[in-house]
C-alpha atoms as a PDB file:
ATOM      1  CA  UNK A   1     -48.011 -99.950  36.874  1.00  0.00           C
ATOM      2  CA  UNK A   2     -48.876-103.627  36.617  1.00  0.00           C
ATOM      3  CA  UNK A   3     -52.187-105.011  37.880  1.00  0.00           C
ATOM      4  CA  UNK A   4     -53.519-108.382  39.025  1.00  0.00           C
ATOM      5  CA  UNK A   5     -57.010-109.687  39.649  1.00  0.00           C
ATOM      6  CA  UNK A   6     -58.009-109.747  43.300  1.00  0.00           C
ATOM      7  CA  UNK A   7     -58.796-113.430  43.754  1.00  0.00           C
ATOM      8  CA  UNK A   8     -61.718-114.585  41.615  1.00  0.00           C
ATOM      9  CA  UNK A   9     -63.205-111.067  41.450  1.00  0.00           C
ATOM     10  CA  UNK A  10     -63.239-108.684  38.492  1.00  0.00           C
ATOM     11  CA  UNK A  11     -61.225-106.108  40.461  1.00  0.00           C
ATOM     12  CA  UNK A  12     -57.764-105.168  39.176  1.00  0.00           C
ATOM     13  CA  UNK A  13     -55.398-104.159  41.967  1.00  0.00           C
ATOM     14  CA  UNK A  14     -51.961-102.668  41.481  1.00  0.00           C
ATOM     15  CA  UNK A  15     -48.964-104.949  41.946  1.00  0.00           C
ATOM     16  CA  UNK A  16     -47.795-102.423  44.527  1.00  0.00           C
ATOM     17  CA  UNK A  17     -50.147-101.786  47.459  1.00  0.00           C
ATOM     18  CA  UNK A  18     -49.663 -98.745  49.669  1.00  0.00           C
ATOM     19  CA  UNK A  19     -49.165 -99.750  53.299  1.00  0.00           C
ATOM     20  CA  UNK A  20     -50.259 -97.104  55.774  1.00  0.00           C
ATOM     21  CA  UNK A  21     -49.431 -98.234  59.304  1.00  0.00           C
ATOM     22  CA  UNK A  22     -46.909 -95.450  60.004  1.00  0.00           C
ATOM     23  CA  UNK A  23     -49.478 -92.684  59.562  1.00  0.00           C
ATOM     24  CA  UNK A  24     -50.407 -91.229  62.930  1.00  0.00           C
ATOM     25  CA  UNK A  25     -47.166 -92.350  64.576  1.00  0.00           C
ATOM     26  CA  UNK A  26     -44.064 -91.887  62.401  1.00  0.00           C
ATOM     27  CA  UNK A  27     -45.957 -89.825  59.818  1.00  0.00           C
ATOM     28  CA  UNK A  28     -48.337 -86.876  60.160  1.00  0.00           C
ATOM     29  CA  UNK A  29     -51.666 -86.547  58.360  1.00  0.00           C
ATOM     30  CA  UNK A  30     -50.065 -84.110  55.911  1.00  0.00           C
ATOM     31  CA  UNK A  31     -47.369 -86.652  55.078  1.00  0.00           C
ATOM     32  CA  UNK A  32     -49.996 -89.365  54.670  1.00  0.00           C
ATOM     33  CA  UNK A  33     -51.838 -87.133  52.205  1.00  0.00           C
ATOM     34  CA  UNK A  34     -48.612 -86.594  50.258  1.00  0.00           C
ATOM     35  CA  UNK A  35     -47.965 -90.337  50.109  1.00  0.00           C
ATOM     36  CA  UNK A  36     -51.467 -91.102  48.850  1.00  0.00           C
ATOM     37  CA  UNK A  37     -51.251 -88.353  46.234  1.00  0.00           C
ATOM     38  CA  UNK A  38     -47.933 -89.715  44.979  1.00  0.00           C
ATOM     39  CA  UNK A  39     -49.161 -93.317  44.977  1.00  0.00           C
ATOM     40  CA  UNK A  40     -52.232 -92.450  42.906  1.00  0.00           C
ATOM     41  CA  UNK A  41     -50.116 -90.479  40.440  1.00  0.00           C
ATOM     42  CA  UNK A  42     -47.860 -93.537  39.995  1.00  0.00           C
ATOM     43  CA  UNK A  43     -50.772 -95.871  39.238  1.00  0.00           C
ATOM     44  CA  UNK A  44     -51.205 -97.429  42.688  1.00  0.00           C
ATOM     45  CA  UNK A  45     -54.922 -98.037  43.298  1.00  0.00           C
ATOM     46  CA  UNK A  46     -54.738-100.299  46.360  1.00  0.00           C
ATOM     47  CA  UNK A  47     -54.364 -99.047  49.969  1.00  0.00           C
ATOM     48  CA  UNK A  48     -54.125-101.318  53.011  1.00  0.00           C
ATOM     49  CA  UNK A  49     -55.007-100.271  56.546  1.00  0.00           C
ATOM     50  CA  UNK A  50     -56.543-101.673  59.757  1.00  0.00           C
ATOM     51  CA  UNK A  51     -58.463-100.545  62.793  1.00  0.00           C
ATOM     52  CA  UNK A  52     -55.299-101.349  64.774  1.00  0.00           C
ATOM     53  CA  UNK A  53     -53.121 -98.777  62.995  1.00  0.00           C
ATOM     54  CA  UNK A  54     -51.026 -96.786  63.583  1.00  0.00           C
ATOM     55  CA  UNK A  55     -48.188 -99.049  64.706  1.00  0.00           C
ATOM     56  CA  UNK A  56     -46.957 -99.809  67.304  1.00  0.00           C
ATOM     57  CA  UNK A  57     -50.466-100.422  68.659  1.00  0.00           C
ATOM     58  CA  UNK A  58     -51.466 -98.075  71.460  1.00  0.00           C
ATOM     59  CA  UNK A  59     -54.708 -96.986  73.075  1.00  0.00           C
ATOM     60  CA  UNK A  60     -53.977 -93.399  72.054  1.00  0.00           C
ATOM     61  CA  UNK A  61     -53.400 -94.042  68.354  1.00  0.00           C
ATOM     62  CA  UNK A  62     -55.588 -96.920  67.183  1.00  0.00           C
ATOM     63  CA  UNK A  63     -57.889 -95.922  64.340  1.00  0.00           C
ATOM     64  CA  UNK A  64     -55.870 -92.814  63.451  1.00  0.00           C
ATOM     65  CA  UNK A  65     -54.596 -94.209  60.157  1.00  0.00           C
ATOM     66  CA  UNK A  66     -58.147 -94.918  58.965  1.00  0.00           C
ATOM     67  CA  UNK A  67     -59.113 -91.357  59.935  1.00  0.00           C
ATOM     68  CA  UNK A  68     -56.253 -89.951  57.856  1.00  0.00           C
ATOM     69  CA  UNK A  69     -57.353 -91.998  54.850  1.00  0.00           C
ATOM     70  CA  UNK A  70     -60.960 -90.913  55.400  1.00  0.00           C
ATOM     71  CA  UNK A  71     -59.989 -87.255  55.514  1.00  0.00           C
ATOM     72  CA  UNK A  72     -57.985 -87.685  52.301  1.00  0.00           C
ATOM     73  CA  UNK A  73     -60.891 -89.429  50.545  1.00  0.00           C
ATOM     74  CA  UNK A  74     -63.196 -86.584  51.550  1.00  0.00           C
ATOM     75  CA  UNK A  75     -60.677 -83.964  50.431  1.00  0.00           C
ATOM     76  CA  UNK A  76     -59.768 -85.556  47.095  1.00  0.00           C
ATOM     77  CA  UNK A  77     -63.247 -86.901  46.265  1.00  0.00           C
ATOM     78  CA  UNK A  78     -61.763 -89.964  44.553  1.00  0.00           C
ATOM     79  CA  UNK A  79     -63.307 -92.928  46.394  1.00  0.00           C
ATOM     80  CA  UNK A  80     -64.035 -94.743  43.141  1.00  0.00           C
ATOM     81  CA  UNK A  81     -60.342 -94.678  42.161  1.00  0.00           C
ATOM     82  CA  UNK A  82     -59.083 -96.545  45.224  1.00  0.00           C
ATOM     83  CA  UNK A  83     -59.440-100.121  46.455  1.00  0.00           C
ATOM     84  CA  UNK A  84     -59.472 -99.886  50.254  1.00  0.00           C
ATOM     85  CA  UNK A  85     -58.544-102.880  52.430  1.00  0.00           C
ATOM     86  CA  UNK A  86     -58.958-102.869  56.201  1.00  0.00           C
ATOM     87  CA  UNK A  87     -58.937-105.390  59.040  1.00  0.00           C
ATOM     88  CA  UNK A  88     -60.539-106.362  62.350  1.00  0.00           C
ATOM     89  CA  UNK A  89     -58.243-107.346  65.222  1.00  0.00           C
ATOM     90  CA  UNK A  90     -58.235-110.931  66.468  1.00  0.00           C
ATOM     91  CA  UNK A  91     -57.896-112.156  70.056  1.00  0.00           C
ATOM     92  CA  UNK A  92     -55.259-109.825  71.444  1.00  0.00           C
ATOM     93  CA  UNK A  93     -55.391-108.850  75.103  1.00  0.00           C
ATOM     94  CA  UNK A  94     -55.696-105.219  73.963  1.00  0.00           C
ATOM     95  CA  UNK A  95     -58.997-104.161  75.534  1.00  0.00           C
ATOM     96  CA  UNK A  96     -59.132-100.565  74.356  1.00  0.00           C
ATOM     97  CA  UNK A  97     -60.839-101.299  71.025  1.00  0.00           C
ATOM     98  CA  UNK A  98     -64.272-102.170  72.368  1.00  0.00           C
ATOM     99  CA  UNK A  99     -63.591-102.056  76.123  1.00  0.00           C
ATOM    100  CA  UNK A 100     -63.287-105.838  76.266  1.00  0.00           C
ATOM    101  CA  UNK A 101     -61.092-108.667  75.050  1.00  0.00           C
ATOM    102  CA  UNK A 102     -61.102-108.540  71.268  1.00  0.00           C
ATOM    103  CA  UNK A 103     -62.723-111.584  69.671  1.00  0.00           C
ATOM    104  CA  UNK A 104     -63.948-112.428  66.199  1.00  0.00           C
ATOM    105  CA  UNK A 105     -67.567-112.833  67.268  1.00  0.00           C
ATOM    106  CA  UNK A 106     -70.665-111.351  65.673  1.00  0.00           C
ATOM    107  CA  UNK A 107     -70.915-108.280  67.875  1.00  0.00           C
ATOM    108  CA  UNK A 108     -67.283-107.264  67.593  1.00  0.00           C
ATOM    109  CA  UNK A 109     -66.907-107.862  63.851  1.00  0.00           C
ATOM    110  CA  UNK A 110     -70.029-105.765  63.249  1.00  0.00           C
ATOM    111  CA  UNK A 111     -68.833-102.991  65.560  1.00  0.00           C
ATOM    112  CA  UNK A 112     -65.383-103.054  63.951  1.00  0.00           C
ATOM    113  CA  UNK A 113     -66.805-102.716  60.434  1.00  0.00           C
ATOM    114  CA  UNK A 114     -69.081 -99.840  61.432  1.00  0.00           C
ATOM    115  CA  UNK A 115     -66.193 -98.102  63.181  1.00  0.00           C
ATOM    116  CA  UNK A 116     -63.900 -98.437  60.172  1.00  0.00           C
ATOM    117  CA  UNK A 117     -66.590 -97.150  57.813  1.00  0.00           C
ATOM    118  CA  UNK A 118     -67.065 -94.087  59.993  1.00  0.00           C
ATOM    119  CA  UNK A 119     -63.341 -93.343  60.249  1.00  0.00           C
ATOM    120  CA  UNK A 120     -62.777 -93.960  56.540  1.00  0.00           C
ATOM    121  CA  UNK A 121     -65.733 -91.720  55.671  1.00  0.00           C
ATOM    122  CA  UNK A 122     -67.032 -94.250  53.170  1.00  0.00           C
ATOM    123  CA  UNK A 123     -70.123 -96.425  52.676  1.00  0.00           C
ATOM    124  CA  UNK A 124     -68.171 -99.580  51.874  1.00  0.00           C
ATOM    125  CA  UNK A 125     -64.810-101.310  52.300  1.00  0.00           C
ATOM    126  CA  UNK A 126     -63.571-103.174  49.238  1.00  0.00           C
ATOM    127  CA  UNK A 127     -61.610-105.875  51.072  1.00  0.00           C
ATOM    128  CA  UNK A 128     -62.204-106.702  54.725  1.00  0.00           C
ATOM    129  CA  UNK A 129     -59.729-109.005  56.441  1.00  0.00           C
ATOM    130  CA  UNK A 130     -59.493-110.906  59.718  1.00  0.00           C
ATOM    131  CA  UNK A 131     -56.204-109.501  61.013  1.00  0.00           C
ATOM    132  CA  UNK A 132     -55.163-112.757  62.696  1.00  0.00           C
ATOM    133  CA  UNK A 133     -56.974-115.923  63.821  1.00  0.00           C
ATOM    134  CA  UNK A 134     -59.134-116.012  66.911  1.00  0.00           C
ATOM    135  CA  UNK A 135     -57.905-119.533  67.662  1.00  0.00           C
ATOM    136  CA  UNK A 136     -54.607-120.784  69.091  1.00  0.00           C
ATOM    137  CA  UNK A 137     -52.390-121.287  66.060  1.00  0.00           C
ATOM    138  CA  UNK A 138     -48.998-120.539  64.543  1.00  0.00           C
ATOM    139  CA  UNK A 139     -48.689-116.958  63.346  1.00  0.00           C
ATOM    140  CA  UNK A 140     -46.426-113.946  63.938  1.00  0.00           C
ATOM    141  CA  UNK A 141     -43.385-116.183  63.500  1.00  0.00           C
ATOM    142  CA  UNK A 142     -44.360-118.954  65.892  1.00  0.00           C
ATOM    143  CA  UNK A 143     -42.941-122.364  64.986  1.00  0.00           C
ATOM    144  CA  UNK A 144     -43.204-125.854  66.499  1.00  0.00           C
ATOM    145  CA  UNK A 145     -46.988-126.290  66.528  1.00  0.00           C
ATOM    146  CA  UNK A 146     -48.450-127.666  69.741  1.00  0.00           C
ATOM    147  CA  UNK A 147     -52.187-128.261  69.790  1.00  0.00           C
ATOM    148  CA  UNK A 148     -54.138-126.653  72.633  1.00  0.00           C
ATOM    149  CA  UNK A 149     -57.796-127.479  73.194  1.00  0.00           C
ATOM    150  CA  UNK A 150     -59.975-124.398  73.477  1.00  0.00           C
ATOM    151  CA  UNK A 151     -63.391-124.185  75.078  1.00  0.00           C
ATOM    152  CA  UNK A 152     -64.190-120.771  73.579  1.00  0.00           C
ATOM    153  CA  UNK A 153     -62.889-121.206  70.019  1.00  0.00           C
ATOM    154  CA  UNK A 154     -65.202-119.120  67.805  1.00  0.00           C
ATOM    155  CA  UNK A 155     -66.406-121.291  64.956  1.00  0.00           C
ATOM    156  CA  UNK A 156     -65.045-120.299  61.528  1.00  0.00           C
ATOM    157  CA  UNK A 157     -68.467-120.765  59.960  1.00  0.00           C
ATOM    158  CA  UNK A 158     -69.912-118.190  62.359  1.00  0.00           C
ATOM    159  CA  UNK A 159     -67.146-115.735  61.462  1.00  0.00           C
ATOM    160  CA  UNK A 160     -67.860-116.289  57.775  1.00  0.00           C
ATOM    161  CA  UNK A 161     -71.608-115.845  58.281  1.00  0.00           C
ATOM    162  CA  UNK A 162     -71.084-112.480  60.001  1.00  0.00           C
ATOM    163  CA  UNK A 163     -68.904-111.307  57.134  1.00  0.00           C
ATOM    164  CA  UNK A 164     -71.495-112.626  54.678  1.00  0.00           C
ATOM    165  CA  UNK A 165     -74.219-110.540  56.335  1.00  0.00           C
ATOM    166  CA  UNK A 166     -72.079-107.440  55.872  1.00  0.00           C
ATOM    167  CA  UNK A 167     -71.474-108.283  52.224  1.00  0.00           C
ATOM    168  CA  UNK A 168     -75.239-108.558  51.740  1.00  0.00           C
ATOM    169  CA  UNK A 169     -75.710-105.175  53.424  1.00  0.00           C
ATOM    170  CA  UNK A 170     -73.151-103.610  51.079  1.00  0.00           C
ATOM    171  CA  UNK A 171     -70.789-102.608  53.883  1.00  0.00           C
ATOM    172  CA  UNK A 172     -67.967-104.770  52.546  1.00  0.00           C
ATOM    173  CA  UNK A 173     -67.434-106.156  49.051  1.00  0.00           C
ATOM    174  CA  UNK A 174     -64.967-109.017  49.515  1.00  0.00           C
ATOM    175  CA  UNK A 175     -63.247-110.818  52.378  1.00  0.00           C
ATOM    176  CA  UNK A 176     -59.697-111.856  53.089  1.00  0.00           C
ATOM    177  CA  UNK A 177     -57.527-113.376  55.798  1.00  0.00           C
ATOM    178  CA  UNK A 178     -54.280-112.270  57.381  1.00  0.00           C
ATOM    179  CA  UNK A 179     -51.585-114.158  59.313  1.00  0.00           C
ATOM    180  CA  UNK A 180     -53.402-117.356  58.405  1.00  0.00           C
ATOM    181  CA  UNK A 181     -52.292-120.997  58.124  1.00  0.00           C
ATOM    182  CA  UNK A 182     -52.938-123.582  55.385  1.00  0.00           C
ATOM    183  CA  UNK A 183     -55.554-125.307  57.557  1.00  0.00           C
ATOM    184  CA  UNK A 184     -57.363-122.048  58.245  1.00  0.00           C
ATOM    185  CA  UNK A 185     -57.393-120.950  54.620  1.00  0.00           C
ATOM    186  CA  UNK A 186     -58.639-124.304  53.304  1.00  0.00           C
ATOM    187  CA  UNK A 187     -61.268-124.517  56.062  1.00  0.00           C
ATOM    188  CA  UNK A 188     -62.668-121.094  55.183  1.00  0.00           C
ATOM    189  CA  UNK A 189     -62.706-122.039  51.494  1.00  0.00           C
ATOM    190  CA  UNK A 190     -64.470-125.345  52.105  1.00  0.00           C
ATOM    191  CA  UNK A 191     -67.075-123.739  54.382  1.00  0.00           C
ATOM    192  CA  UNK A 192     -67.793-121.087  51.761  1.00  0.00           C
ATOM    193  CA  UNK A 193     -68.299-123.739  49.099  1.00  0.00           C
ATOM    194  CA  UNK A 194     -70.412-126.003  51.319  1.00  0.00           C
ATOM    195  CA  UNK A 195     -72.751-123.323  52.652  1.00  0.00           C
ATOM    196  CA  UNK A 196     -72.820-120.802  49.811  1.00  0.00           C
ATOM    197  CA  UNK A 197     -70.937-118.133  51.745  1.00  0.00           C
ATOM    198  CA  UNK A 198     -68.492-115.508  50.413  1.00  0.00           C
ATOM    199  CA  UNK A 199     -65.167-116.884  49.296  1.00  0.00           C
ATOM    200  CA  UNK A 200     -61.784-115.761  50.590  1.00  0.00           C
ATOM    201  CA  UNK A 201     -60.063-113.742  47.839  1.00  0.00           C
ATOM    202  CA  UNK A 202     -56.673-112.999  49.424  1.00  0.00           C
ATOM    203  CA  UNK A 203     -54.299-113.753  52.280  1.00  0.00           C
ATOM    204  CA  UNK A 204     -52.094-111.088  53.854  1.00  0.00           C
ATOM    205  CA  UNK A 205     -49.060-112.833  55.332  1.00  0.00           C
ATOM    206  CA  UNK A 206     -45.382-111.910  55.728  1.00  0.00           C
ATOM    207  CA  UNK A 207     -43.121-112.676  52.788  1.00  0.00           C
ATOM    208  CA  UNK A 208     -39.586-111.552  52.008  1.00  0.00           C
ATOM    209  CA  UNK A 209     -36.114-112.852  51.270  1.00  0.00           C
ATOM    210  CA  UNK A 210     -35.770-113.426  55.024  1.00  0.00           C
ATOM    211  CA  UNK A 211     -39.127-115.154  55.417  1.00  0.00           C
ATOM    212  CA  UNK A 212     -40.287-117.440  52.612  1.00  0.00           C
ATOM    213  CA  UNK A 213     -42.343-119.742  54.817  1.00  0.00           C
ATOM    214  CA  UNK A 214     -45.453-118.895  52.748  1.00  0.00           C
ATOM    215  CA  UNK A 215     -44.042-121.106  50.008  1.00  0.00           C
ATOM    216  CA  UNK A 216     -44.331-124.274  52.107  1.00  0.00           C
ATOM    217  CA  UNK A 217     -48.077-124.751  52.413  1.00  0.00           C
ATOM    218  CA  UNK A 218     -49.793-121.565  51.361  1.00  0.00           C
ATOM    219  CA  UNK A 219     -48.422-120.776  47.904  1.00  0.00           C
ATOM    220  CA  UNK A 220     -50.016-123.782  46.191  1.00  0.00           C
ATOM    221  CA  UNK A 221     -53.389-122.924  47.705  1.00  0.00           C
ATOM    222  CA  UNK A 222     -53.047-119.313  46.554  1.00  0.00           C
ATOM    223  CA  UNK A 223     -52.546-120.407  42.956  1.00  0.00           C
ATOM    224  CA  UNK A 224     -54.980-123.331  42.761  1.00  0.00           C
ATOM    225  CA  UNK A 225     -57.761-121.581  44.701  1.00  0.00           C
ATOM    226  CA  UNK A 226     -57.245-118.076  43.268  1.00  0.00           C
ATOM    227  CA  UNK A 227     -56.662-116.366  46.600  1.00  0.00           C
ATOM    228  CA  UNK A 228     -53.269-114.768  46.174  1.00  0.00           C
ATOM    229  CA  UNK A 229     -50.833-113.370  48.662  1.00  0.00           C
ATOM    230  CA  UNK A 230     -50.814-109.751  49.791  1.00  0.00           C
ATOM    231  CA  UNK A 231     -47.213-109.724  50.994  1.00  0.00           C
ATOM    232  CA  UNK A 232     -46.465-107.648  54.053  1.00  0.00           C
ATOM    233  CA  UNK A 233     -43.002-106.741  55.397  1.00  0.00           C
ATOM    234  CA  UNK A 234     -41.349-107.401  51.990  1.00  0.00           C
ATOM    235  CA  UNK A 235     -38.343-105.395  53.203  1.00  0.00           C
ATOM    236  CA  UNK A 236     -38.299-107.141  56.596  1.00  0.00           C
ATOM    237  CA  UNK A 237     -38.921-103.931  58.556  1.00  0.00           C
ATOM    238  CA  UNK A 238     -36.143-102.234  56.609  1.00  0.00           C
ATOM    239  CA  UNK A 239     -33.457-104.868  57.134  1.00  0.00           C
ATOM    240  CA  UNK A 240     -33.427-105.501  53.373  1.00  0.00           C
ATOM    241  CA  UNK A 241     -32.819-101.837  52.527  1.00  0.00           C
ATOM    242  CA  UNK A 242     -29.220-101.914  53.719  1.00  0.00           C
ATOM    243  CA  UNK A 243     -29.718 -99.033  56.142  1.00  0.00           C
ATOM    244  CA  UNK A 244     -29.124-101.270  59.189  1.00  0.00           C
ATOM    245  CA  UNK A 245     -26.047-103.039  57.764  1.00  0.00           C
ATOM    246  CA  UNK A 246     -22.947-103.233  59.966  1.00  0.00           C
ATOM    247  CA  UNK A 247     -24.940-102.358  63.070  1.00  0.00           C
ATOM    248  CA  UNK A 248     -26.111 -98.963  61.812  1.00  0.00           C
ATOM    249  CA  UNK A 249     -29.021 -97.335  63.649  1.00  0.00           C
ATOM    250  CA  UNK A 250     -30.243 -94.420  61.526  1.00  0.00           C
ATOM    251  CA  UNK A 251     -32.117 -91.653  63.323  1.00  0.00           C
ATOM    252  CA  UNK A 252     -35.900 -91.929  63.082  1.00  0.00           C
ATOM    253  CA  UNK A 253     -35.896 -95.425  61.572  1.00  0.00           C
ATOM    254  CA  UNK A 254     -38.473 -97.882  62.872  1.00  0.00           C
ATOM    255  CA  UNK A 255     -35.986-100.405  64.271  1.00  0.00           C
ATOM    256  CA  UNK A 256     -34.070 -97.572  65.934  1.00  0.00           C
ATOM    257  CA  UNK A 257     -37.193 -96.133  67.533  1.00  0.00           C
ATOM    258  CA  UNK A 258     -38.760 -99.468  68.535  1.00  0.00           C
ATOM    259  CA  UNK A 259     -35.788-101.821  68.817  1.00  0.00           C
ATOM    260  CA  UNK A 260     -37.179-103.620  71.856  1.00  0.00           C
ATOM    261  CA  UNK A 261     -40.619-104.163  70.318  1.00  0.00           C
ATOM    262  CA  UNK A 262     -39.746-105.538  66.890  1.00  0.00           C
ATOM    263  CA  UNK A 263     -37.080-108.252  66.973  1.00  0.00           C
ATOM    264  CA  UNK A 264     -38.431-110.627  64.322  1.00  0.00           C
ATOM    265  CA  UNK A 265     -35.763-109.615  61.793  1.00  0.00           C
ATOM    266  CA  UNK A 266     -32.989-108.348  64.080  1.00  0.00           C
ATOM    267  CA  UNK A 267     -31.838-111.574  65.704  1.00  0.00           C
ATOM    268  CA  UNK A 268     -28.365-112.875  64.700  1.00  0.00           C
ATOM    269  CA  UNK A 269     -29.591-114.876  61.685  1.00  0.00           C
ATOM    270  CA  UNK A 270     -31.653-111.934  60.466  1.00  0.00           C
ATOM    271  CA  UNK A 271     -28.657-109.626  60.673  1.00  0.00           C
ATOM    272  CA  UNK A 272     -26.374-112.129  58.944  1.00  0.00           C
ATOM    273  CA  UNK A 273     -28.645-112.985  56.050  1.00  0.00           C
ATOM    274  CA  UNK A 274     -29.984-109.500  55.418  1.00  0.00           C
ATOM    275  CA  UNK A 275     -26.388-108.358  54.933  1.00  0.00           C
ATOM    276  CA  UNK A 276     -25.735-111.303  52.588  1.00  0.00           C
ATOM    277  CA  UNK A 277     -28.723-110.409  50.443  1.00  0.00           C
ATOM    278  CA  UNK A 278     -27.913-106.701  50.505  1.00  0.00           C
ATOM    279  CA  UNK A 279     -24.341-107.406  49.388  1.00  0.00           C
ATOM    280  CA  UNK A 280     -25.594-109.644  46.587  1.00  0.00           C
ATOM    281  CA  UNK A 281     -27.815-106.843  45.283  1.00  0.00           C
ATOM    282  CA  UNK A 282     -24.917-104.392  45.150  1.00  0.00           C
ATOM    283  CA  UNK A 283     -22.710-106.945  43.385  1.00  0.00           C
ATOM    284  CA  UNK A 284     -25.257-107.040  40.572  1.00  0.00           C
ATOM    285  CA  UNK A 285     -25.689-103.273  40.286  1.00  0.00           C
ATOM    286  CA  UNK A 286     -28.987-103.204  42.163  1.00  0.00           C
ATOM    287  CA  UNK A 287     -29.972-101.468  45.375  1.00  0.00           C
ATOM    288  CA  UNK A 288     -31.002-103.848  48.178  1.00  0.00           C
ATOM    289  CA  UNK A 289     -34.540-102.436  47.896  1.00  0.00           C
ATOM    290  CA  UNK A 290     -34.731-103.142  44.170  1.00  0.00           C
ATOM    291  CA  UNK A 291     -33.649-106.749  44.592  1.00  0.00           C
ATOM    292  CA  UNK A 292     -35.775-107.480  47.661  1.00  0.00           C
ATOM    293  CA  UNK A 293     -38.975-106.007  46.216  1.00  0.00           C
ATOM    294  CA  UNK A 294     -38.227-107.288  42.714  1.00  0.00           C
ATOM    295  CA  UNK A 295     -37.995-110.805  44.098  1.00  0.00           C
ATOM    296  CA  UNK A 296     -41.353-110.568  45.892  1.00  0.00           C
ATOM    297  CA  UNK A 297     -42.974-109.015  42.817  1.00  0.00           C
ATOM    298  CA  UNK A 298     -41.828-111.956  40.682  1.00  0.00           C
ATOM    299  CA  UNK A 299     -43.676-114.648  42.638  1.00  0.00           C
ATOM    300  CA  UNK A 300     -46.523-116.293  40.748  1.00  0.00           C
ATOM    301  CA  UNK A 301     -48.648-116.654  43.896  1.00  0.00           C
ATOM    302  CA  UNK A 302     -48.509-112.908  44.616  1.00  0.00           C
ATOM    303  CA  UNK A 303     -51.471-110.591  44.092  1.00  0.00           C
ATOM    304  CA  UNK A 304     -49.954-107.419  45.546  1.00  0.00           C
ATOM    305  CA  UNK A 305     -46.835-106.338  47.412  1.00  0.00           C
ATOM    306  CA  UNK A 306     -47.574-104.069  50.377  1.00  0.00           C
ATOM    307  CA  UNK A 307     -44.885-101.413  50.671  1.00  0.00           C
ATOM    308  CA  UNK A 308     -44.581 -98.637  53.206  1.00  0.00           C
ATOM    309  CA  UNK A 309     -42.348 -95.614  53.589  1.00  0.00           C
ATOM    310  CA  UNK A 310     -41.832 -92.663  55.873  1.00  0.00           C
ATOM    311  CA  UNK A 311     -40.791 -90.201  53.149  1.00  0.00           C
ATOM    312  CA  UNK A 312     -41.641 -89.598  49.510  1.00  0.00           C
ATOM    313  CA  UNK A 313     -38.238 -90.563  48.134  1.00  0.00           C
ATOM    314  CA  UNK A 314     -38.462 -93.987  49.771  1.00  0.00           C
ATOM    315  CA  UNK A 315     -42.022 -94.366  48.557  1.00  0.00           C
ATOM    316  CA  UNK A 316     -41.172 -93.572  44.946  1.00  0.00           C
ATOM    317  CA  UNK A 317     -38.278 -96.057  44.973  1.00  0.00           C
ATOM    318  CA  UNK A 318     -40.510 -98.747  46.447  1.00  0.00           C
ATOM    319  CA  UNK A 319     -43.300 -98.143  43.943  1.00  0.00           C
ATOM    320  CA  UNK A 320     -40.873 -98.235  41.030  1.00  0.00           C
ATOM    321  CA  UNK A 321     -39.799-101.741  42.014  1.00  0.00           C
ATOM    322  CA  UNK A 322     -42.567-102.982  39.706  1.00  0.00           C
ATOM    323  CA  UNK A 323     -40.207-102.134  36.832  1.00  0.00           C
ATOM    324  CA  UNK A 324     -37.447-104.443  38.092  1.00  0.00           C
ATOM    325  CA  UNK A 325     -36.920-107.780  36.365  1.00  0.00           C
ATOM    326  CA  UNK A 326     -34.303-109.896  38.121  1.00  0.00           C
ATOM    327  CA  UNK A 327     -31.994-111.916  35.898  1.00  0.00           C
ATOM    328  CA  UNK A 328     -31.685-115.692  36.142  1.00  0.00           C
ATOM    329  CA  UNK A 329     -28.188-115.193  37.592  1.00  0.00           C
ATOM    330  CA  UNK A 330     -29.525-113.025  40.416  1.00  0.00           C
ATOM    331  CA  UNK A 331     -32.329-115.486  41.173  1.00  0.00           C
ATOM    332  CA  UNK A 332     -29.802-118.339  41.193  1.00  0.00           C
ATOM    333  CA  UNK A 333     -27.575-116.498  43.673  1.00  0.00           C
ATOM    334  CA  UNK A 334     -30.598-115.689  45.852  1.00  0.00           C
ATOM    335  CA  UNK A 335     -31.472-119.384  45.961  1.00  0.00           C
ATOM    336  CA  UNK A 336     -27.927-120.310  47.010  1.00  0.00           C
ATOM    337  CA  UNK A 337     -28.164-117.986  50.007  1.00  0.00           C
ATOM    338  CA  UNK A 338     -31.666-119.237  50.738  1.00  0.00           C
ATOM    339  CA  UNK A 339     -30.475-122.844  50.761  1.00  0.00           C
ATOM    340  CA  UNK A 340     -27.948-122.053  53.497  1.00  0.00           C
ATOM    341  CA  UNK A 341     -30.750-121.148  55.875  1.00  0.00           C
ATOM    342  CA  UNK A 342     -34.222-121.283  54.298  1.00  0.00           C
ATOM    343  CA  UNK A 343     -36.122-119.399  57.010  1.00  0.00           C
ATOM    344  CA  UNK A 344     -33.832-117.173  59.065  1.00  0.00           C
ATOM    345  CA  UNK A 345     -36.778-115.018  60.196  1.00  0.00           C
ATOM    346  CA  UNK A 346     -40.045-117.045  60.105  1.00  0.00           C
END
């Protein structure tokens, strides 16, 4: 396994991070245990979860993934071998978390942290992330920014101060952002510097061959400010595995089960360009998974690539992507396809 520093910390995290959002929905606790056992044996030391999981978000299943991880940690007694990342939900409209509209205010961040600690059966969370901004902004694929004045926008400094208090209490070690914009990331960094508050060490945003929008404004910040990308959806919800090519709908697959809920990568341009990339991989003797993950792994602004799987064979293939080194010819051909339509699935 290869490892990178987590931001400006002394923590080494594996290039491959184990994503866990299927556990409790598509995967049982037993299967989650098997995945964690395999990941550890392959050198993966970084697991990512959230209070929201499992996915798709439902009142009946939120928090289950953290419970599965907590039960595994208790069973395996290996807390010191794993870097655990979790998240607090932003403004969402989903009122089942704390019986009210979710907001990134002091009370709810504190309650969320305590809840995650209890479910994870641990005294601390290594990396705690704001799952998405509390403010009106562009995330989850939204383009064409239009400013909207907000009377109840929760100040970023307040959010940072609440997280700082929890760092001081030892409940969390480091903080990160997710689904964030260049303005948000730089604002958090400047506030931390100005007021002596904890610094952002990572950003968890989407990144794949179908969605390279992170390169526009965020990648430079990641490198210059040492707060690298934790790439989620590197296989574009499976579109870059080839299993959905030519209109296929494999039994039990996420986009078969939840086709009406997740359309970010299944619109006409997503279908067209995923098949182009998948064909390119095969032409060069690679599987679509190897090329897609190998490309993400090669980015110099990346800290860790968050992969997920519903079975052990998929998981092993995804983990082993760290061994793939794409040739200059493959990269050149990828860029030609990219130039045709730079952001088919923002």
